[in-house]
Amino acid sequence: MPWVKACSTDDVEEEDLIRWDHAGATYAIYQSPEGEFFATAGLCTHEQVHLCDGLVMGHLIECPKHNGQFDYRTGAAKRTPVCVALQTFAVKVEGDAVYVEVP
């Protein structure tokens, strides 16, 4: 799978996320409180709502529609109504660029 530049490290604030669209898919790129970067599918598994409008709290992303939560580091569903995990993607940082390994 190829590594694709998704954004700059300055594009994502700590404990926040941005939407990144690539090759017909939507992704969410996060920066943790520790300054690490993560990537997940950009749509909630419950009703396909864009997570970029959600709230990041620590290591959780809360869906803006029904307040379901996921751990963005692992994709694990953490609060109902979500019960299906988010797909996660490998991330690497080179210089000030954030790369995501995409299918």
C-alpha atoms as a PDB file:
ATOM      1  CA  MET A   1       0.000   0.000   0.000  1.00  0.00           C
ATOM      2  CA  PRO A   2       1.312   3.441  -0.856  1.00  0.00           C
ATOM      3  CA  TRP A   3       2.124   6.235   1.564  1.00  0.00           C
ATOM      4  CA  VAL A   4       0.339   9.455   0.593  1.00  0.00           C
ATOM      5  CA  LYS A   5       0.935  12.917   2.026  1.00  0.00           C
ATOM      6  CA  ALA A   6      -2.259  13.895   3.823  1.00  0.00           C
ATOM      7  CA  CYS A   7      -1.384  17.220   5.420  1.00  0.00           C
ATOM      8  CA  SER A   8       1.193  19.246   7.287  1.00  0.00           C
ATOM      9  CA  THR A   9       1.738  18.727  11.007  1.00  0.00           C
ATOM     10  CA  ASP A  10       0.614  22.351  11.458  1.00  0.00           C
ATOM     11  CA  ASP A  11      -2.769  21.574   9.864  1.00  0.00           C
ATOM     12  CA  VAL A  12      -3.980  19.535  12.849  1.00  0.00           C
ATOM     13  CA  GLU A  13      -4.061  21.028  16.325  1.00  0.00           C
ATOM     14  CA  GLU A  14      -3.530  18.853  19.410  1.00  0.00           C
ATOM     15  CA  GLU A  15      -6.717  17.063  20.472  1.00  0.00           C
ATOM     16  CA  ASP A  16      -8.344  17.872  17.152  1.00  0.00           C
ATOM     17  CA  LEU A  17      -8.852  16.389  13.691  1.00  0.00           C
ATOM     18  CA  ILE A  18      -9.188  17.345  10.057  1.00  0.00           C
ATOM     19  CA  ARG A  19     -10.977  15.760   7.134  1.00  0.00           C
ATOM     20  CA  TRP A  20      -8.844  14.427   4.293  1.00  0.00           C
ATOM     21  CA  ASP A  21     -10.356  13.155   1.054  1.00  0.00           C
ATOM     22  CA  HIS A  22      -8.268  10.921  -1.192  1.00  0.00           C
ATOM     23  CA  ALA A  23      -9.146   8.671  -4.151  1.00  0.00           C
ATOM     24  CA  GLY A  24     -12.870   8.736  -3.412  1.00  0.00           C
ATOM     25  CA  ALA A  25     -12.529   7.957   0.299  1.00  0.00           C
ATOM     26  CA  THR A  26     -12.845  10.204   3.339  1.00  0.00           C
ATOM     27  CA  TYR A  27     -10.357   9.976   6.199  1.00  0.00           C
ATOM     28  CA  ALA A  28      -9.920  11.724   9.538  1.00  0.00           C
ATOM     29  CA  ILE A  29      -6.427  12.764  10.668  1.00  0.00           C
ATOM     30  CA  TYR A  30      -5.954  13.341  14.421  1.00  0.00           C
ATOM     31  CA  GLN A  31      -3.246  14.726  16.680  1.00  0.00           C
ATOM     32  CA  SER A  32      -3.259  13.246  20.175  1.00  0.00           C
ATOM     33  CA  PRO A  33      -2.538  15.197  23.383  1.00  0.00           C
ATOM     34  CA  GLU A  34       0.955  13.643  23.222  1.00  0.00           C
ATOM     35  CA  GLY A  35       1.566  15.082  19.736  1.00  0.00           C
ATOM     36  CA  GLU A  36       1.206  11.773  17.849  1.00  0.00           C
ATOM     37  CA  PHE A  37      -0.765  11.533  14.609  1.00  0.00           C
ATOM     38  CA  PHE A  38      -3.433   8.956  13.758  1.00  0.00           C
ATOM     39  CA  ALA A  39      -5.772   8.264  10.833  1.00  0.00           C
ATOM     40  CA  THR A  40      -9.172   6.570  10.653  1.00  0.00           C
ATOM     41  CA  ALA A  41     -11.993   6.261   8.182  1.00  0.00           C
ATOM     42  CA  GLY A  42     -13.703   9.642   8.086  1.00  0.00           C
ATOM     43  CA  LEU A  43     -17.287   8.439   8.418  1.00  0.00           C
ATOM     44  CA  CYS A  44     -19.017   7.073  11.521  1.00  0.00           C
ATOM     45  CA  THR A  45     -19.827   3.373  11.229  1.00  0.00           C
ATOM     46  CA  HIS A  46     -23.309   3.991  12.660  1.00  0.00           C
ATOM     47  CA  GLU A  47     -24.888   6.353  10.107  1.00  0.00           C
ATOM     48  CA  GLN A  48     -22.020   7.446   7.841  1.00  0.00           C
ATOM     49  CA  VAL A  49     -21.785  10.974   9.303  1.00  0.00           C
ATOM     50  CA  HIS A  50     -18.526  12.892   8.779  1.00  0.00           C
ATOM     51  CA  LEU A  51     -16.431  12.667  11.941  1.00  0.00           C
ATOM     52  CA  CYS A  52     -14.616  15.921  11.116  1.00  0.00           C
ATOM     53  CA  ASP A  53     -17.597  17.738  12.666  1.00  0.00           C
ATOM     54  CA  GLY A  54     -17.235  15.738  15.888  1.00  0.00           C
ATOM     55  CA  LEU A  55     -15.563  16.506  19.181  1.00  0.00           C
ATOM     56  CA  VAL A  56     -12.116  15.152  20.116  1.00  0.00           C
ATOM     57  CA  MET A  57     -11.596  14.514  23.832  1.00  0.00           C
ATOM     58  CA  GLY A  58      -8.270  12.974  24.772  1.00  0.00           C
ATOM     59  CA  HIS A  59      -8.068   9.847  22.593  1.00  0.00           C
ATOM     60  CA  LEU A  60     -11.770   9.743  21.701  1.00  0.00           C
ATOM     61  CA  ILE A  61     -13.698  11.102  18.743  1.00  0.00           C
ATOM     62  CA  GLU A  62     -17.392  11.698  19.378  1.00  0.00           C
ATOM     63  CA  CYS A  63     -19.720  11.490  16.398  1.00  0.00           C
ATOM     64  CA  PRO A  64     -21.666  14.736  15.938  1.00  0.00           C
ATOM     65  CA  LYS A  65     -24.973  13.001  15.153  1.00  0.00           C
ATOM     66  CA  HIS A  66     -25.660  10.524  17.972  1.00  0.00           C
ATOM     67  CA  ASN A  67     -22.651  11.053  20.289  1.00  0.00           C
ATOM     68  CA  GLY A  68     -21.198   7.585  19.778  1.00  0.00           C
ATOM     69  CA  GLN A  69     -17.486   7.461  20.550  1.00  0.00           C
ATOM     70  CA  PHE A  70     -14.426   5.735  19.123  1.00  0.00           C
ATOM     71  CA  ASP A  71     -10.836   5.469  20.315  1.00  0.00           C
ATOM     72  CA  TYR A  72      -9.120   6.935  17.257  1.00  0.00           C
ATOM     73  CA  ARG A  73      -5.845   5.150  18.096  1.00  0.00           C
ATOM     74  CA  THR A  74      -7.387   1.683  17.679  1.00  0.00           C
ATOM     75  CA  GLY A  75     -10.751   2.377  16.037  1.00  0.00           C
ATOM     76  CA  ALA A  76     -12.552   0.622  18.925  1.00  0.00           C
ATOM     77  CA  ALA A  77     -16.194   1.582  19.470  1.00  0.00           C
ATOM     78  CA  LYS A  78     -16.447   3.027  22.997  1.00  0.00           C
ATOM     79  CA  ARG A  79     -20.016   4.339  23.441  1.00  0.00           C
ATOM     80  CA  THR A  80     -23.340   3.406  21.924  1.00  0.00           C
ATOM     81  CA  PRO A  81     -24.961   3.682  19.502  1.00  0.00           C
ATOM     82  CA  VAL A  82     -21.740   2.782  17.656  1.00  0.00           C
ATOM     83  CA  CYS A  83     -20.820  -0.882  17.855  1.00  0.00           C
ATOM     84  CA  VAL A  84     -18.667  -1.380  14.746  1.00  0.00           C
ATOM     85  CA  ALA A  85     -15.038  -0.237  14.988  1.00  0.00           C
ATOM     86  CA  LEU A  86     -13.570   2.425  12.706  1.00  0.00           C
ATOM     87  CA  GLN A  87     -10.962   1.317  10.211  1.00  0.00           C
ATOM     88  CA  THR A  88      -7.536   2.722  11.125  1.00  0.00           C
ATOM     89  CA  PHE A  89      -4.558   3.443   8.894  1.00  0.00           C
ATOM     90  CA  ALA A  90      -0.826   3.592   9.535  1.00  0.00           C
ATOM     91  CA  VAL A  91       0.629   7.098   9.831  1.00  0.00           C
ATOM     92  CA  LYS A  92       4.184   8.399   9.660  1.00  0.00           C
ATOM     93  CA  VAL A  93       5.599  11.886  10.010  1.00  0.00           C
ATOM     94  CA  GLU A  94       8.558  13.011   7.914  1.00  0.00           C
ATOM     95  CA  GLY A  95       9.695  16.543   8.602  1.00  0.00           C
ATOM     96  CA  ASP A  96       6.479  18.538   8.811  1.00  0.00           C
ATOM     97  CA  ALA A  97       4.466  16.210   6.555  1.00  0.00           C
ATOM     98  CA  VAL A  98       1.917  13.633   7.724  1.00  0.00           C
ATOM     99  CA  TYR A  99       1.679  10.536   5.513  1.00  0.00           C
ATOM    100  CA  VAL A 100      -1.072   7.920   5.600  1.00  0.00           C
ATOM    101  CA  GLU A 101      -0.735   4.388   4.243  1.00  0.00           C
ATOM    102  CA  VAL A 102      -3.838   3.972   2.082  1.00  0.00           C
ATOM    103  CA  PRO A 103      -5.242   0.973   0.198  1.00  0.00           C
END
